Amino acid sequence: MKIGIGSDHAGFEYKEKIKAFLQGLGHEVQDFGTNSEEPVDYPKFIRPVAEAVAAGKCERGIVLGGSGNGEAIVANRVRGVRCALCWNLETARLGRQHNDANVISIGERMIPLDLALQIVQIWLDTPFAGGRHAQRIAEIDQP
């Protein structure tokens, strides 16, 4: 799977660890930056991830920051993106199962790294349930 990833300075460390984790699983990862812990404005690195997912250039995306809130907001401004802010395994599972989340947002300052990696794994492994949720997803993208 081709997965886009991006972060601001506050999510940089986890971005690098998650990127290595994904590559170890055999995924192709497109890194949209940032490339250090030097302070940056997160929309510059998050929006390109979301746009790549919306355009079909990446099948999924992962965005990271200090809390993950701003990153989720930016990603969800892009039509066709359904970004779930994940802070535990259940939010990751339900984000995929019920909301068909094609992007997740994780806050590096909010959770330990081992949990962040577990969240990514659950999100990758969980299929969209469809059924009653499919109509709701269709309603999200209506103009």
N, C-alpha and C. Protein backbone atom coordinates (compact mmCIF):
# COMPACT_ATOMS: atom_id res chain seq x y z
N MET A 1 0.85 -1.17 0.00
CA MET A 1 0.00 0.00 0.00
C MET A 1 0.90 1.24 0.00
N LYS A 2 0.49 2.27 -0.71
CA LYS A 2 1.23 3.54 -0.69
C LYS A 2 0.58 4.45 0.34
N ILE A 3 1.38 4.88 1.30
CA ILE A 3 0.88 5.68 2.41
C ILE A 3 1.66 6.99 2.48
N GLY A 4 0.93 8.10 2.50
CA GLY A 4 1.55 9.40 2.69
C GLY A 4 1.67 9.70 4.17
N ILE A 5 2.72 10.40 4.55
CA ILE A 5 2.92 10.75 5.95
C ILE A 5 3.49 12.16 6.04
N GLY A 6 3.03 12.90 7.04
CA GLY A 6 3.53 14.25 7.24
C GLY A 6 3.33 14.67 8.68
N SER A 7 4.18 15.60 9.11
CA SER A 7 4.10 16.08 10.49
C SER A 7 4.64 17.49 10.58
N ASP A 8 4.37 18.10 11.71
CA ASP A 8 5.08 19.33 12.05
C ASP A 8 6.25 18.93 12.94
N HIS A 9 6.91 19.90 13.51
CA HIS A 9 8.07 19.64 14.36
C HIS A 9 7.71 18.80 15.59
N ALA A 10 6.51 18.98 16.12
CA ALA A 10 6.11 18.27 17.34
C ALA A 10 5.75 16.82 17.08
N GLY A 11 5.58 16.45 15.82
CA GLY A 11 5.28 15.06 15.47
C GLY A 11 6.41 14.38 14.72
N PHE A 12 7.53 15.09 14.56
CA PHE A 12 8.64 14.60 13.73
C PHE A 12 9.20 13.26 14.19
N GLU A 13 9.45 13.12 15.48
CA GLU A 13 10.06 11.88 15.98
C GLU A 13 9.17 10.67 15.67
N TYR A 14 7.87 10.78 15.96
CA TYR A 14 6.96 9.66 15.68
C TYR A 14 6.82 9.44 14.18
N LYS A 15 6.85 10.51 13.40
CA LYS A 15 6.76 10.34 11.94
C LYS A 15 7.88 9.45 11.44
N GLU A 16 9.07 9.71 11.91
CA GLU A 16 10.22 8.92 11.48
C GLU A 16 10.08 7.46 11.93
N LYS A 17 9.62 7.25 13.14
CA LYS A 17 9.45 5.88 13.67
C LYS A 17 8.33 5.14 12.93
N ILE A 18 7.23 5.83 12.68
CA ILE A 18 6.11 5.21 11.97
C ILE A 18 6.49 4.92 10.52
N LYS A 19 7.22 5.82 9.90
CA LYS A 19 7.68 5.60 8.53
C LYS A 19 8.52 4.32 8.46
N ALA A 20 9.46 4.15 9.37
CA ALA A 20 10.29 2.95 9.40
C ALA A 20 9.44 1.69 9.66
N PHE A 21 8.47 1.81 10.55
CA PHE A 21 7.55 0.70 10.85
C PHE A 21 6.79 0.28 9.60
N LEU A 22 6.24 1.26 8.88
CA LEU A 22 5.48 0.97 7.66
C LEU A 22 6.36 0.34 6.59
N GLN A 23 7.55 0.86 6.41
CA GLN A 23 8.47 0.30 5.43
C GLN A 23 8.85 -1.13 5.79
N GLY A 24 9.00 -1.38 7.09
CA GLY A 24 9.29 -2.74 7.56
C GLY A 24 8.17 -3.72 7.26
N LEU A 25 6.95 -3.20 7.17
CA LEU A 25 5.80 -4.04 6.81
C LEU A 25 5.64 -4.20 5.30
N GLY A 26 6.49 -3.51 4.53
CA GLY A 26 6.45 -3.62 3.08
C GLY A 26 5.65 -2.55 2.38
N HIS A 27 5.22 -1.54 3.09
CA HIS A 27 4.45 -0.45 2.48
C HIS A 27 5.39 0.56 1.83
N GLU A 28 4.92 1.21 0.80
CA GLU A 28 5.63 2.33 0.19
C GLU A 28 5.19 3.59 0.91
N VAL A 29 6.13 4.38 1.38
CA VAL A 29 5.80 5.56 2.15
C VAL A 29 6.30 6.81 1.43
N GLN A 30 5.40 7.77 1.24
CA GLN A 30 5.78 9.06 0.69
C GLN A 30 5.78 10.05 1.85
N ASP A 31 6.95 10.60 2.13
CA ASP A 31 7.14 11.51 3.26
C ASP A 31 7.01 12.95 2.76
N PHE A 32 6.03 13.66 3.30
CA PHE A 32 5.78 15.04 2.92
C PHE A 32 6.45 16.03 3.88
N GLY A 33 7.29 15.54 4.79
CA GLY A 33 7.99 16.41 5.73
C GLY A 33 7.16 16.62 6.99
N THR A 34 7.67 17.37 7.85
CA THR A 34 8.87 18.16 7.93
C THR A 34 10.06 17.23 8.16
N ASN A 35 11.24 17.78 8.09
CA ASN A 35 12.43 16.95 8.15
C ASN A 35 13.32 17.23 9.35
N SER A 36 12.75 17.89 10.37
CA SER A 36 13.52 18.15 11.59
C SER A 36 12.55 18.60 12.69
N GLU A 37 13.12 18.87 13.84
CA GLU A 37 12.32 19.37 14.96
C GLU A 37 12.32 20.89 15.03
N GLU A 38 12.80 21.54 13.98
CA GLU A 38 12.75 23.00 13.90
C GLU A 38 11.29 23.43 13.74
N PRO A 39 10.83 24.43 14.47
CA PRO A 39 9.42 24.85 14.40
C PRO A 39 8.98 25.22 12.99
N VAL A 40 7.81 24.70 12.61
CA VAL A 40 7.20 24.95 11.30
C VAL A 40 5.70 25.12 11.48
N ASP A 41 5.05 25.61 10.45
CA ASP A 41 3.58 25.71 10.43
C ASP A 41 3.02 24.42 9.85
N TYR A 42 2.25 23.70 10.65
CA TYR A 42 1.80 22.36 10.27
C TYR A 42 0.97 22.28 8.99
N PRO A 43 0.14 23.26 8.63
CA PRO A 43 -0.64 23.08 7.40
C PRO A 43 0.21 22.84 6.15
N LYS A 44 1.42 23.38 6.13
CA LYS A 44 2.31 23.22 4.97
C LYS A 44 2.71 21.77 4.74
N PHE A 45 2.64 20.95 5.77
CA PHE A 45 3.07 19.56 5.67
C PHE A 45 1.90 18.57 5.74
N ILE A 46 0.79 19.03 6.28
CA ILE A 46 -0.37 18.16 6.44
C ILE A 46 -1.26 18.19 5.20
N ARG A 47 -1.53 19.38 4.69
CA ARG A 47 -2.40 19.51 3.52
C ARG A 47 -1.91 18.67 2.33
N PRO A 48 -0.61 18.64 2.01
CA PRO A 48 -0.16 17.81 0.89
C PRO A 48 -0.43 16.32 1.09
N VAL A 49 -0.38 15.84 2.33
CA VAL A 49 -0.72 14.44 2.59
C VAL A 49 -2.19 14.20 2.24
N ALA A 50 -3.05 15.06 2.75
CA ALA A 50 -4.49 14.92 2.51
C ALA A 50 -4.81 15.04 1.02
N GLU A 51 -4.18 15.97 0.34
CA GLU A 51 -4.42 16.13 -1.10
C GLU A 51 -3.96 14.92 -1.89
N ALA A 52 -2.86 14.30 -1.48
CA ALA A 52 -2.39 13.09 -2.16
C ALA A 52 -3.37 11.94 -1.98
N VAL A 53 -3.95 11.82 -0.80
CA VAL A 53 -4.95 10.78 -0.56
C VAL A 53 -6.21 11.07 -1.38
N ALA A 54 -6.67 12.30 -1.35
CA ALA A 54 -7.89 12.67 -2.09
C ALA A 54 -7.71 12.46 -3.59
N ALA A 55 -6.52 12.69 -4.10
CA ALA A 55 -6.25 12.54 -5.54
C ALA A 55 -5.95 11.10 -5.94
N GLY A 56 -5.85 10.21 -4.97
CA GLY A 56 -5.55 8.81 -5.27
C GLY A 56 -4.07 8.53 -5.48
N LYS A 57 -3.22 9.50 -5.18
CA LYS A 57 -1.77 9.28 -5.32
C LYS A 57 -1.23 8.44 -4.16
N CYS A 58 -1.91 8.49 -3.03
CA CYS A 58 -1.62 7.64 -1.87
C CYS A 58 -2.95 7.00 -1.47
N GLU A 59 -2.88 5.74 -1.08
CA GLU A 59 -4.11 5.06 -0.67
C GLU A 59 -4.59 5.51 0.70
N ARG A 60 -3.64 5.84 1.57
CA ARG A 60 -3.97 6.31 2.90
C ARG A 60 -2.93 7.33 3.35
N GLY A 61 -3.24 8.02 4.45
CA GLY A 61 -2.32 9.01 4.98
C GLY A 61 -2.29 9.01 6.49
N ILE A 62 -1.13 9.41 7.02
CA ILE A 62 -0.95 9.56 8.46
C ILE A 62 -0.35 10.94 8.69
N VAL A 63 -0.99 11.71 9.58
CA VAL A 63 -0.51 13.04 9.92
C VAL A 63 -0.27 13.10 11.42
N LEU A 64 0.77 13.85 11.80
CA LEU A 64 1.16 13.89 13.20
C LEU A 64 1.52 15.30 13.63
N GLY A 65 1.27 15.57 14.90
CA GLY A 65 1.64 16.84 15.51
C GLY A 65 1.74 16.64 17.00
N GLY A 66 1.71 17.73 17.74
CA GLY A 66 1.77 17.63 19.20
C GLY A 66 0.53 16.96 19.77
N SER A 67 -0.64 17.50 19.42
CA SER A 67 -1.90 16.91 19.90
C SER A 67 -2.62 16.12 18.82
N GLY A 68 -2.36 16.43 17.56
CA GLY A 68 -3.07 15.80 16.45
C GLY A 68 -4.34 16.54 16.07
N ASN A 69 -4.79 17.47 16.90
CA ASN A 69 -6.04 18.18 16.62
C ASN A 69 -5.96 19.05 15.38
N GLY A 70 -5.00 19.94 15.35
CA GLY A 70 -4.86 20.84 14.20
C GLY A 70 -4.63 20.07 12.92
N GLU A 71 -3.86 19.01 13.01
CA GLU A 71 -3.55 18.20 11.84
C GLU A 71 -4.82 17.53 11.29
N ALA A 72 -5.67 17.02 12.19
CA ALA A 72 -6.93 16.42 11.76
C ALA A 72 -7.83 17.46 11.11
N ILE A 73 -7.85 18.66 11.67
CA ILE A 73 -8.68 19.73 11.11
C ILE A 73 -8.23 20.07 9.70
N VAL A 74 -6.92 20.24 9.51
CA VAL A 74 -6.40 20.55 8.17
C VAL A 74 -6.74 19.44 7.19
N ALA A 75 -6.48 18.21 7.56
CA ALA A 75 -6.74 17.08 6.66
C ALA A 75 -8.22 17.00 6.28
N ASN A 76 -9.10 17.23 7.25
CA ASN A 76 -10.53 17.12 6.97
C ASN A 76 -11.09 18.27 6.15
N ARG A 77 -10.31 19.30 5.92
CA ARG A 77 -10.74 20.39 5.04
C ARG A 77 -10.62 19.99 3.57
N VAL A 78 -9.92 18.90 3.29
CA VAL A 78 -9.73 18.44 1.91
C VAL A 78 -10.85 17.47 1.56
N ARG A 79 -11.61 17.81 0.53
CA ARG A 79 -12.74 16.99 0.11
C ARG A 79 -12.27 15.58 -0.25
N GLY A 80 -12.98 14.60 0.28
CA GLY A 80 -12.65 13.20 0.02
C GLY A 80 -11.79 12.57 1.11
N VAL A 81 -11.34 13.37 2.05
CA VAL A 81 -10.55 12.85 3.16
C VAL A 81 -11.45 12.69 4.38
N ARG A 82 -11.27 11.56 5.05
CA ARG A 82 -11.94 11.28 6.30
C ARG A 82 -10.85 10.95 7.31
N CYS A 83 -10.44 11.97 8.04
CA CYS A 83 -9.33 11.83 8.99
C CYS A 83 -9.86 11.62 10.39
N ALA A 84 -9.43 10.54 11.00
CA ALA A 84 -9.81 10.22 12.38
C ALA A 84 -8.66 10.58 13.32
N LEU A 85 -8.96 11.36 14.34
CA LEU A 85 -8.00 11.64 15.39
C LEU A 85 -7.99 10.43 16.32
N CYS A 86 -6.84 9.78 16.42
CA CYS A 86 -6.76 8.53 17.18
C CYS A 86 -5.86 8.68 18.39
N TRP A 87 -6.38 8.27 19.54
CA TRP A 87 -5.61 8.33 20.78
C TRP A 87 -5.62 7.00 21.52
N ASN A 88 -6.36 6.02 21.00
CA ASN A 88 -6.33 4.67 21.57
C ASN A 88 -6.71 3.68 20.47
N LEU A 89 -6.67 2.40 20.78
CA LEU A 89 -6.92 1.37 19.77
C LEU A 89 -8.35 1.40 19.26
N GLU A 90 -9.29 1.71 20.14
CA GLU A 90 -10.70 1.72 19.75
C GLU A 90 -10.99 2.85 18.76
N THR A 91 -10.40 4.03 18.95
CA THR A 91 -10.63 5.12 18.00
C THR A 91 -10.07 4.77 16.63
N ALA A 92 -8.96 4.05 16.60
CA ALA A 92 -8.38 3.63 15.31
C ALA A 92 -9.26 2.57 14.64
N ARG A 93 -9.71 1.60 15.43
CA ARG A 93 -10.55 0.53 14.87
C ARG A 93 -11.87 1.09 14.35
N LEU A 94 -12.54 1.91 15.17
CA LEU A 94 -13.83 2.46 14.75
C LEU A 94 -13.68 3.48 13.62
N GLY A 95 -12.57 4.20 13.60
CA GLY A 95 -12.33 5.13 12.50
C GLY A 95 -12.34 4.43 11.16
N ARG A 96 -11.77 3.25 11.11
CA ARG A 96 -11.79 2.46 9.86
C ARG A 96 -13.13 1.75 9.68
N GLN A 97 -13.56 1.03 10.71
CA GLN A 97 -14.74 0.17 10.61
C GLN A 97 -16.01 0.95 10.31
N HIS A 98 -16.23 2.05 10.99
CA HIS A 98 -17.47 2.81 10.85
C HIS A 98 -17.35 4.02 9.94
N ASN A 99 -16.16 4.64 9.88
CA ASN A 99 -16.00 5.90 9.16
C ASN A 99 -15.15 5.80 7.92
N ASP A 100 -14.62 4.61 7.62
CA ASP A 100 -13.77 4.41 6.45
C ASP A 100 -12.66 5.45 6.40
N ALA A 101 -12.04 5.73 7.56
CA ALA A 101 -10.99 6.75 7.65
C ALA A 101 -9.84 6.40 6.73
N ASN A 102 -9.55 7.30 5.80
CA ASN A 102 -8.43 7.09 4.90
C ASN A 102 -7.19 7.85 5.36
N VAL A 103 -7.33 8.62 6.42
CA VAL A 103 -6.23 9.33 7.06
C VAL A 103 -6.43 9.24 8.57
N ILE A 104 -5.33 9.12 9.30
CA ILE A 104 -5.41 9.22 10.76
C ILE A 104 -4.45 10.31 11.23
N SER A 105 -4.81 10.89 12.35
CA SER A 105 -4.00 11.91 13.00
C SER A 105 -3.63 11.42 14.38
N ILE A 106 -2.34 11.59 14.72
CA ILE A 106 -1.83 11.14 16.01
C ILE A 106 -1.06 12.28 16.66
N GLY A 107 -1.27 12.46 17.95
CA GLY A 107 -0.55 13.47 18.71
C GLY A 107 0.62 12.87 19.46
N GLU A 108 1.83 13.25 19.06
CA GLU A 108 3.03 12.70 19.69
C GLU A 108 3.11 13.01 21.17
N ARG A 109 2.60 14.15 21.58
CA ARG A 109 2.68 14.54 23.00
C ARG A 109 1.58 13.90 23.84
N MET A 110 0.69 13.17 23.21
CA MET A 110 -0.50 12.64 23.89
C MET A 110 -0.39 11.16 24.27
N ILE A 111 0.40 10.40 23.49
CA ILE A 111 0.45 8.95 23.70
C ILE A 111 1.87 8.43 23.54
N PRO A 112 2.18 7.28 24.15
CA PRO A 112 3.51 6.70 23.99
C PRO A 112 3.69 6.11 22.58
N LEU A 113 4.94 6.00 22.16
CA LEU A 113 5.25 5.49 20.82
C LEU A 113 4.69 4.11 20.57
N ASP A 114 4.80 3.19 21.54
CA ASP A 114 4.30 1.84 21.30
C ASP A 114 2.81 1.83 21.01
N LEU A 115 2.06 2.70 21.66
CA LEU A 115 0.63 2.81 21.39
C LEU A 115 0.39 3.40 20.00
N ALA A 116 1.17 4.39 19.62
CA ALA A 116 1.04 4.99 18.29
C ALA A 116 1.25 3.93 17.21
N LEU A 117 2.23 3.07 17.39
CA LEU A 117 2.49 2.01 16.40
C LEU A 117 1.36 0.99 16.38
N GLN A 118 0.80 0.67 17.53
CA GLN A 118 -0.35 -0.24 17.59
C GLN A 118 -1.57 0.38 16.89
N ILE A 119 -1.76 1.68 17.08
CA ILE A 119 -2.86 2.39 16.42
C ILE A 119 -2.71 2.28 14.92
N VAL A 120 -1.52 2.51 14.41
CA VAL A 120 -1.28 2.41 12.97
C VAL A 120 -1.58 1.00 12.48
N GLN A 121 -1.14 -0.02 13.22
CA GLN A 121 -1.38 -1.40 12.81
C GLN A 121 -2.87 -1.73 12.77
N ILE A 122 -3.60 -1.35 13.79
CA ILE A 122 -5.05 -1.61 13.83
C ILE A 122 -5.74 -0.91 12.66
N TRP A 123 -5.37 0.34 12.41
CA TRP A 123 -5.96 1.12 11.32
C TRP A 123 -5.68 0.46 9.97
N LEU A 124 -4.48 -0.07 9.80
CA LEU A 124 -4.15 -0.77 8.56
C LEU A 124 -4.93 -2.06 8.40
N ASP A 125 -5.13 -2.77 9.49
CA ASP A 125 -5.73 -4.12 9.45
C ASP A 125 -7.25 -4.13 9.45
N THR A 126 -7.89 -3.05 9.88
CA THR A 126 -9.34 -3.05 10.03
C THR A 126 -10.03 -2.66 8.73
N PRO A 127 -10.93 -3.50 8.24
CA PRO A 127 -11.68 -3.14 7.03
C PRO A 127 -12.88 -2.25 7.36
N PHE A 128 -13.34 -1.53 6.36
CA PHE A 128 -14.57 -0.76 6.48
C PHE A 128 -15.73 -1.74 6.52
N ALA A 129 -16.65 -1.57 7.46
CA ALA A 129 -17.77 -2.50 7.65
C ALA A 129 -18.84 -2.35 6.58
N GLY A 130 -18.92 -1.19 5.94
CA GLY A 130 -19.97 -0.98 4.95
C GLY A 130 -21.33 -0.98 5.62
N GLY A 131 -22.31 -1.63 4.97
CA GLY A 131 -23.63 -1.72 5.55
C GLY A 131 -24.23 -0.36 5.86
N ARG A 132 -24.78 -0.22 7.07
CA ARG A 132 -25.44 1.03 7.45
C ARG A 132 -24.49 2.22 7.43
N HIS A 133 -23.18 1.95 7.52
CA HIS A 133 -22.19 3.03 7.55
C HIS A 133 -21.93 3.60 6.15
N ALA A 134 -22.16 2.83 5.12
CA ALA A 134 -21.88 3.28 3.75
C ALA A 134 -22.70 4.51 3.38
N GLN A 135 -23.98 4.52 3.74
CA GLN A 135 -24.83 5.67 3.43
C GLN A 135 -24.33 6.92 4.16
N ARG A 136 -23.90 6.74 5.38
CA ARG A 136 -23.39 7.89 6.16
C ARG A 136 -22.12 8.46 5.54
N ILE A 137 -21.26 7.58 5.06
CA ILE A 137 -20.04 8.03 4.39
C ILE A 137 -20.39 8.76 3.12
N ALA A 138 -21.35 8.27 2.37
CA ALA A 138 -21.79 8.95 1.15
C ALA A 138 -22.32 10.35 1.47
N GLU A 139 -23.00 10.49 2.57
CA GLU A 139 -23.55 11.80 2.96
C GLU A 139 -22.44 12.80 3.30
N ILE A 140 -21.33 12.34 3.82
CA ILE A 140 -20.21 13.22 4.16
C ILE A 140 -19.73 13.98 2.91
N ASP A 141 -19.64 13.29 1.81
CA ASP A 141 -19.07 13.86 0.60
C ASP A 141 -20.10 14.58 -0.29
N GLN A 142 -21.32 14.63 0.13
CA GLN A 142 -22.32 15.37 -0.66
C GLN A 142 -22.05 16.86 -0.57
N PRO A 143 -22.24 17.57 -1.69
CA PRO A 143 -22.03 19.03 -1.67
C PRO A 143 -23.06 19.75 -0.81
